[in-house]
Amino acid sequence: MDMELLKKLRQATGAGVNDVSKALAEVGDDYDKALDWLRQHGQKVAGKKQDREIKEGLIESYIHQGGKTGVLLEVGCETDFVARNDDFKNFVHEVALQIAATDPQYVSPADVPAEVVEKERAIYAEEVAKENKPAEIQDKIITGKLEKFYSQVCLLKQTYIKDDSLTIEKLLNNTIAKVGENIRISRFTRYSL
C-alpha cells in the first residue's frame, strides 16, 4: 500500500487509517475511486448518526459585498468538542457563504410549505399537459421539475458553489463522517440591501 496515497486520502477526507486502508484495498490503490468509496461510506455513516440528539453547535454571522448582504446561520452538533473543531467551523462558514451567494429560501424540501409545492406542481402540470405525453411520462417530468425547483430554493439540494460535484447535503454528510457526530443545519436568515 502506498503510504503517501494513504496520507493524502486521510487529509482530503478526515477518515481514519482503517477506513482509508479498506477503501484503497477495495479499489486497488486508485485515489479517485477510493475517494468515491469513502464518500459513499461516509454517507452511510451519516445516515446512522441522524437520530442522535443535537445539544451544541454554532451561530455563524457572515457579511458580504461591502455590507450589502448578511447571513445568520445556526448549525447544531452533538458535543461542544465538535463545535470547537476546525472542520465543523469551516463547514459552518462555507454554508454561510453558500447562503450569501445563492439566497436559498428553505433548508430542505421538507421545509417547503405544502401550498408552495402544490402551486409549483400545478404550474408544471399545466406546462406538461400541453405536450400531449402519456400520464406516466408527465408525472416523471413534473417530478423532475420539482427536483430542479428544490435545487434552487432548498439549501441542502443546492450545488456547492466551490465544488459542483457536491451538493450541500453531500458536503454535510462528508463533514458528519469526518467529525463523527450528527450535524444539522437548523435555520438561517439572509439579509440583503
C-alpha atoms as a PDB file:
ATOM      1  CA  MET A   1       0.000   0.000   0.000  1.00  0.00           C
ATOM      2  CA  ASP A   2       1.244   3.467  -0.934  1.00  0.00           C
ATOM      3  CA  MET A   3       1.685   5.429   2.320  1.00  0.00           C
ATOM      4  CA  GLU A   4       1.699   8.793   0.530  1.00  0.00           C
ATOM      5  CA  LEU A   5      -1.645   7.925  -1.061  1.00  0.00           C
ATOM      6  CA  LEU A   6      -2.988   6.868   2.350  1.00  0.00           C
ATOM      7  CA  LYS A   7      -1.820  10.146   3.892  1.00  0.00           C
ATOM      8  CA  LYS A   8      -3.266  12.204   1.023  1.00  0.00           C
ATOM      9  CA  LEU A   9      -6.663  10.474   1.315  1.00  0.00           C
ATOM     10  CA  ARG A  10      -6.736  10.946   5.094  1.00  0.00           C
ATOM     11  CA  GLN A  11      -6.051  14.670   4.677  1.00  0.00           C
ATOM     12  CA  ALA A  12      -8.705  15.020   1.971  1.00  0.00           C
ATOM     13  CA  THR A  13     -11.436  13.143   3.833  1.00  0.00           C
ATOM     14  CA  GLY A  14     -10.595  13.142   7.517  1.00  0.00           C
ATOM     15  CA  ALA A  15     -11.297   9.398   7.502  1.00  0.00           C
ATOM     16  CA  GLY A  16      -9.438   7.040   9.824  1.00  0.00           C
ATOM     17  CA  VAL A  17      -6.488   4.880   8.791  1.00  0.00           C
ATOM     18  CA  ASN A  18      -8.592   1.703   8.815  1.00  0.00           C
ATOM     19  CA  ASP A  19     -11.280   3.200   6.554  1.00  0.00           C
ATOM     20  CA  VAL A  20      -8.713   4.621   4.117  1.00  0.00           C
ATOM     21  CA  SER A  21      -6.816   1.318   4.042  1.00  0.00           C
ATOM     22  CA  LYS A  22     -10.031  -0.578   3.389  1.00  0.00           C
ATOM     23  CA  ALA A  23     -11.030   1.850   0.613  1.00  0.00           C
ATOM     24  CA  LEU A  24      -7.638   1.538  -1.095  1.00  0.00           C
ATOM     25  CA  ALA A  25      -7.779  -2.263  -0.834  1.00  0.00           C
ATOM     26  CA  GLU A  26     -11.314  -2.318  -2.304  1.00  0.00           C
ATOM     27  CA  VAL A  27     -10.408  -0.218  -5.352  1.00  0.00           C
ATOM     28  CA  GLY A  28      -6.816  -1.281  -5.995  1.00  0.00           C
ATOM     29  CA  ASP A  29      -4.966   1.850  -4.821  1.00  0.00           C
ATOM     30  CA  ASP A  30      -6.848   4.200  -7.181  1.00  0.00           C
ATOM     31  CA  TYR A  31      -7.095   7.632  -5.486  1.00  0.00           C
ATOM     32  CA  ASP A  32     -10.271   8.832  -7.228  1.00  0.00           C
ATOM     33  CA  LYS A  33     -12.100   5.533  -6.759  1.00  0.00           C
ATOM     34  CA  ALA A  34     -11.005   5.391  -3.102  1.00  0.00           C
ATOM     35  CA  LEU A  35     -12.273   8.947  -2.602  1.00  0.00           C
ATOM     36  CA  ASP A  36     -15.650   7.928  -4.076  1.00  0.00           C
ATOM     37  CA  TRP A  37     -15.719   4.794  -1.902  1.00  0.00           C
ATOM     38  CA  LEU A  38     -15.038   6.870   1.218  1.00  0.00           C
ATOM     39  CA  ARG A  39     -17.722   9.393   0.271  1.00  0.00           C
ATOM     40  CA  GLN A  40     -20.261   6.608  -0.184  1.00  0.00           C
ATOM     41  CA  HIS A  41     -19.158   5.050   3.096  1.00  0.00           C
ATOM     42  CA  GLY A  42     -19.311   8.469   4.771  1.00  0.00           C
ATOM     43  CA  GLN A  43     -22.909   8.932   3.647  1.00  0.00           C
ATOM     44  CA  LYS A  44     -23.790   5.584   5.220  1.00  0.00           C
ATOM     45  CA  VAL A  45     -22.117   6.701   8.448  1.00  0.00           C
ATOM     46  CA  ALA A  46     -24.025   9.993   8.327  1.00  0.00           C
ATOM     47  CA  GLY A  47     -27.322   8.145   7.947  1.00  0.00           C
ATOM     48  CA  LYS A  48     -26.642   6.100  11.095  1.00  0.00           C
ATOM     49  CA  LYS A  49     -25.962   9.262  13.118  1.00  0.00           C
ATOM     50  CA  GLN A  50     -29.145  11.148  12.134  1.00  0.00           C
ATOM     51  CA  ASP A  51     -31.153  10.003  15.163  1.00  0.00           C
ATOM     52  CA  ARG A  52     -28.608  11.182  17.713  1.00  0.00           C
ATOM     53  CA  GLU A  53     -29.533  14.234  19.804  1.00  0.00           C
ATOM     54  CA  ILE A  54     -28.106  17.644  19.000  1.00  0.00           C
ATOM     55  CA  LYS A  55     -27.214  19.734  22.052  1.00  0.00           C
ATOM     56  CA  GLU A  56     -24.417  22.050  20.903  1.00  0.00           C
ATOM     57  CA  GLY A  57     -23.435  23.986  17.785  1.00  0.00           C
ATOM     58  CA  LEU A  58     -22.544  27.370  16.385  1.00  0.00           C
ATOM     59  CA  ILE A  59     -24.223  30.505  15.192  1.00  0.00           C
ATOM     60  CA  GLU A  60     -22.271  31.975  12.312  1.00  0.00           C
ATOM     61  CA  SER A  61     -22.587  35.522  11.024  1.00  0.00           C
ATOM     62  CA  TYR A  62     -21.236  36.492   7.633  1.00  0.00           C
ATOM     63  CA  ILE A  63     -21.268  39.906   5.935  1.00  0.00           C
ATOM     64  CA  HIS A  64     -20.618  40.056   2.189  1.00  0.00           C
ATOM     65  CA  GLN A  65     -20.340  42.607  -0.640  1.00  0.00           C
ATOM     66  CA  GLY A  66     -19.202  45.561   1.423  1.00  0.00           C
ATOM     67  CA  GLY A  67     -22.027  45.226   3.912  1.00  0.00           C
ATOM     68  CA  LYS A  68     -24.816  44.716   1.369  1.00  0.00           C
ATOM     69  CA  THR A  69     -25.559  41.061   2.214  1.00  0.00           C
ATOM     70  CA  GLY A  70     -25.517  39.349   5.598  1.00  0.00           C
ATOM     71  CA  VAL A  71     -26.249  35.840   6.865  1.00  0.00           C
ATOM     72  CA  LEU A  72     -27.048  34.460  10.303  1.00  0.00           C
ATOM     73  CA  LEU A  73     -26.847  30.681  10.415  1.00  0.00           C
ATOM     74  CA  GLU A  74     -27.481  28.129  13.168  1.00  0.00           C
ATOM     75  CA  VAL A  75     -25.843  24.706  12.838  1.00  0.00           C
ATOM     76  CA  GLY A  76     -26.146  22.104  15.584  1.00  0.00           C
ATOM     77  CA  CYS A  77     -23.928  19.213  16.618  1.00  0.00           C
ATOM     78  CA  GLU A  78     -23.844  16.733  19.494  1.00  0.00           C
ATOM     79  CA  THR A  79     -20.944  17.997  21.627  1.00  0.00           C
ATOM     80  CA  ASP A  80     -19.008  21.178  22.361  1.00  0.00           C
ATOM     81  CA  PHE A  81     -15.851  19.281  21.348  1.00  0.00           C
ATOM     82  CA  VAL A  82     -17.093  19.156  17.746  1.00  0.00           C
ATOM     83  CA  ALA A  83     -18.489  22.704  17.949  1.00  0.00           C
ATOM     84  CA  ARG A  84     -14.901  23.871  18.573  1.00  0.00           C
ATOM     85  CA  ASN A  85     -13.468  21.575  15.864  1.00  0.00           C
ATOM     86  CA  ASP A  86     -11.905  23.346  12.856  1.00  0.00           C
ATOM     87  CA  ASP A  87     -13.613  21.011  10.347  1.00  0.00           C
ATOM     88  CA  PHE A  88     -17.011  21.844  11.849  1.00  0.00           C
ATOM     89  CA  LYS A  89     -16.275  25.583  11.984  1.00  0.00           C
ATOM     90  CA  ASN A  90     -15.094  25.521   8.366  1.00  0.00           C
ATOM     91  CA  PHE A  91     -18.256  23.675   7.292  1.00  0.00           C
ATOM     92  CA  VAL A  92     -20.470  26.250   9.046  1.00  0.00           C
ATOM     93  CA  HIS A  93     -18.572  29.117   7.397  1.00  0.00           C
ATOM     94  CA  GLU A  94     -18.823  27.508   3.957  1.00  0.00           C
ATOM     95  CA  VAL A  95     -22.582  27.081   4.377  1.00  0.00           C
ATOM     96  CA  ALA A  96     -22.890  30.757   5.335  1.00  0.00           C
ATOM     97  CA  LEU A  97     -21.000  31.693   2.142  1.00  0.00           C
ATOM     98  CA  GLN A  98     -23.344  29.445   0.139  1.00  0.00           C
ATOM     99  CA  ILE A  99     -26.400  31.165   1.600  1.00  0.00           C
ATOM    100  CA  ALA A 100     -24.980  34.630   0.865  1.00  0.00           C
ATOM    101  CA  ALA A 101     -24.211  33.644  -2.734  1.00  0.00           C
ATOM    102  CA  THR A 102     -27.327  31.651  -3.658  1.00  0.00           C
ATOM    103  CA  ASP A 103     -30.173  33.009  -1.485  1.00  0.00           C
ATOM    104  CA  PRO A 104     -31.984  29.737  -0.677  1.00  0.00           C
ATOM    105  CA  GLN A 105     -35.445  30.033   0.875  1.00  0.00           C
ATOM    106  CA  TYR A 106     -35.568  26.790   2.897  1.00  0.00           C
ATOM    107  CA  VAL A 107     -33.130  24.335   4.495  1.00  0.00           C
ATOM    108  CA  SER A 108     -34.645  21.189   2.901  1.00  0.00           C
ATOM    109  CA  PRO A 109     -37.618  20.111   0.754  1.00  0.00           C
ATOM    110  CA  ALA A 110     -39.419  19.070   3.957  1.00  0.00           C
ATOM    111  CA  ASP A 111     -39.430  22.756   4.987  1.00  0.00           C
ATOM    112  CA  VAL A 112     -41.210  23.942   1.828  1.00  0.00           C
ATOM    113  CA  PRO A 113     -44.866  24.651   2.686  1.00  0.00           C
ATOM    114  CA  ALA A 114     -47.337  22.255   1.055  1.00  0.00           C
ATOM    115  CA  GLU A 115     -49.193  25.114  -0.656  1.00  0.00           C
ATOM    116  CA  VAL A 116     -45.953  26.261  -2.346  1.00  0.00           C
ATOM    117  CA  VAL A 117     -45.259  22.713  -3.581  1.00  0.00           C
ATOM    118  CA  GLU A 118     -48.835  22.331  -4.852  1.00  0.00           C
ATOM    119  CA  LYS A 119     -48.655  25.690  -6.648  1.00  0.00           C
ATOM    120  CA  GLU A 120     -45.392  24.675  -8.360  1.00  0.00           C
ATOM    121  CA  ARG A 121     -46.818  21.237  -9.197  1.00  0.00           C
ATOM    122  CA  ALA A 122     -49.923  22.870 -10.770  1.00  0.00           C
ATOM    123  CA  ILE A 123     -47.755  25.175 -12.897  1.00  0.00           C
ATOM    124  CA  TYR A 124     -45.643  22.247 -14.111  1.00  0.00           C
ATOM    125  CA  ALA A 125     -48.713  20.094 -14.759  1.00  0.00           C
ATOM    126  CA  GLU A 126     -50.194  22.826 -16.925  1.00  0.00           C
ATOM    127  CA  GLU A 127     -46.936  23.157 -18.893  1.00  0.00           C
ATOM    128  CA  VAL A 128     -46.617  19.396 -19.386  1.00  0.00           C
ATOM    129  CA  ALA A 129     -50.295  18.918 -20.343  1.00  0.00           C
ATOM    130  CA  LYS A 130     -49.639  20.985 -23.480  1.00  0.00           C
ATOM    131  CA  GLU A 131     -47.053  18.420 -24.637  1.00  0.00           C
ATOM    132  CA  ASN A 132     -49.594  15.556 -25.097  1.00  0.00           C
ATOM    133  CA  LYS A 133     -47.392  12.916 -23.473  1.00  0.00           C
ATOM    134  CA  PRO A 134     -48.599   9.784 -21.637  1.00  0.00           C
ATOM    135  CA  ALA A 135     -49.581  10.287 -17.974  1.00  0.00           C
ATOM    136  CA  GLU A 136     -46.622   8.342 -16.541  1.00  0.00           C
ATOM    137  CA  ILE A 137     -44.187  10.441 -18.617  1.00  0.00           C
ATOM    138  CA  GLN A 138     -45.943  13.622 -17.476  1.00  0.00           C
ATOM    139  CA  ASP A 139     -45.564  12.531 -13.832  1.00  0.00           C
ATOM    140  CA  LYS A 140     -41.843  11.933 -14.331  1.00  0.00           C
ATOM    141  CA  ILE A 141     -41.415  15.338 -15.975  1.00  0.00           C
ATOM    142  CA  ILE A 142     -43.298  17.057 -13.140  1.00  0.00           C
ATOM    143  CA  THR A 143     -41.183  15.217 -10.553  1.00  0.00           C
ATOM    144  CA  GLY A 144     -38.018  16.282 -12.386  1.00  0.00           C
ATOM    145  CA  LYS A 145     -39.158  19.906 -12.478  1.00  0.00           C
ATOM    146  CA  LEU A 146     -39.939  19.783  -8.747  1.00  0.00           C
ATOM    147  CA  GLU A 147     -36.436  18.417  -8.067  1.00  0.00           C
ATOM    148  CA  LYS A 148     -34.993  21.311 -10.057  1.00  0.00           C
ATOM    149  CA  PHE A 149     -37.168  23.733  -8.052  1.00  0.00           C
ATOM    150  CA  TYR A 150     -35.842  22.206  -4.803  1.00  0.00           C
ATOM    151  CA  SER A 151     -32.258  22.544  -6.057  1.00  0.00           C
ATOM    152  CA  GLN A 152     -32.848  26.276  -6.436  1.00  0.00           C
ATOM    153  CA  VAL A 153     -34.758  27.085  -3.228  1.00  0.00           C
ATOM    154  CA  CYS A 154     -33.551  24.418  -0.735  1.00  0.00           C
ATOM    155  CA  LEU A 155     -30.079  24.834   0.739  1.00  0.00           C
ATOM    156  CA  LEU A 156     -29.359  21.103   1.135  1.00  0.00           C
ATOM    157  CA  LYS A 157     -30.229  20.387  -2.520  1.00  0.00           C
ATOM    158  CA  GLN A 158     -28.119  23.215  -3.950  1.00  0.00           C
ATOM    159  CA  THR A 159     -24.876  22.574  -5.774  1.00  0.00           C
ATOM    160  CA  TYR A 160     -21.957  23.673  -3.610  1.00  0.00           C
ATOM    161  CA  ILE A 161     -20.541  26.893  -5.079  1.00  0.00           C
ATOM    162  CA  LYS A 162     -16.914  25.823  -4.562  1.00  0.00           C
ATOM    163  CA  ASP A 163     -17.243  22.266  -5.937  1.00  0.00           C
ATOM    164  CA  ASP A 164     -20.007  21.485  -8.418  1.00  0.00           C
ATOM    165  CA  SER A 165     -19.555  17.744  -7.866  1.00  0.00           C
ATOM    166  CA  LEU A 166     -21.096  18.191  -4.391  1.00  0.00           C
ATOM    167  CA  THR A 167     -24.419  19.372  -3.055  1.00  0.00           C
ATOM    168  CA  ILE A 168     -24.621  20.990   0.369  1.00  0.00           C
ATOM    169  CA  GLU A 169     -26.275  17.764   1.564  1.00  0.00           C
ATOM    170  CA  LYS A 170     -23.235  15.736   0.417  1.00  0.00           C
ATOM    171  CA  LEU A 171     -20.905  18.291   1.998  1.00  0.00           C
ATOM    172  CA  LEU A 172     -22.897  17.909   5.233  1.00  0.00           C
ATOM    173  CA  ASN A 173     -22.659  14.103   5.060  1.00  0.00           C
ATOM    174  CA  ASN A 174     -18.916  14.283   4.388  1.00  0.00           C
ATOM    175  CA  THR A 175     -18.488  16.550   7.412  1.00  0.00           C
ATOM    176  CA  ILE A 176     -20.572  14.194   9.569  1.00  0.00           C
ATOM    177  CA  ALA A 177     -18.314  11.325   8.501  1.00  0.00           C
ATOM    178  CA  LYS A 178     -15.211  13.417   9.186  1.00  0.00           C
ATOM    179  CA  VAL A 179     -16.166  14.639  12.683  1.00  0.00           C
ATOM    180  CA  GLY A 180     -18.069  11.508  13.721  1.00  0.00           C
ATOM    181  CA  GLU A 181     -21.179  13.261  15.017  1.00  0.00           C
ATOM    182  CA  ASN A 182     -24.637  14.213  13.834  1.00  0.00           C
ATOM    183  CA  ILE A 183     -24.792  17.740  12.417  1.00  0.00           C
ATOM    184  CA  ARG A 184     -27.949  19.599  11.484  1.00  0.00           C
ATOM    185  CA  ILE A 185     -28.409  22.907   9.694  1.00  0.00           C
ATOM    186  CA  SER A 186     -31.197  24.262  11.873  1.00  0.00           C
ATOM    187  CA  ARG A 187     -32.093  27.617  10.362  1.00  0.00           C
ATOM    188  CA  PHE A 188     -30.752  30.694   8.633  1.00  0.00           C
ATOM    189  CA  THR A 189     -31.675  34.224   7.717  1.00  0.00           C
ATOM    190  CA  ARG A 190     -30.236  36.153   4.791  1.00  0.00           C
ATOM    191  CA  TYR A 191     -30.395  39.945   4.718  1.00  0.00           C
ATOM    192  CA  SER A 192     -29.815  41.969   1.580  1.00  0.00           C
ATOM    193  CA  LEU A 193     -29.973  45.662   0.699  1.00  0.00           C
END
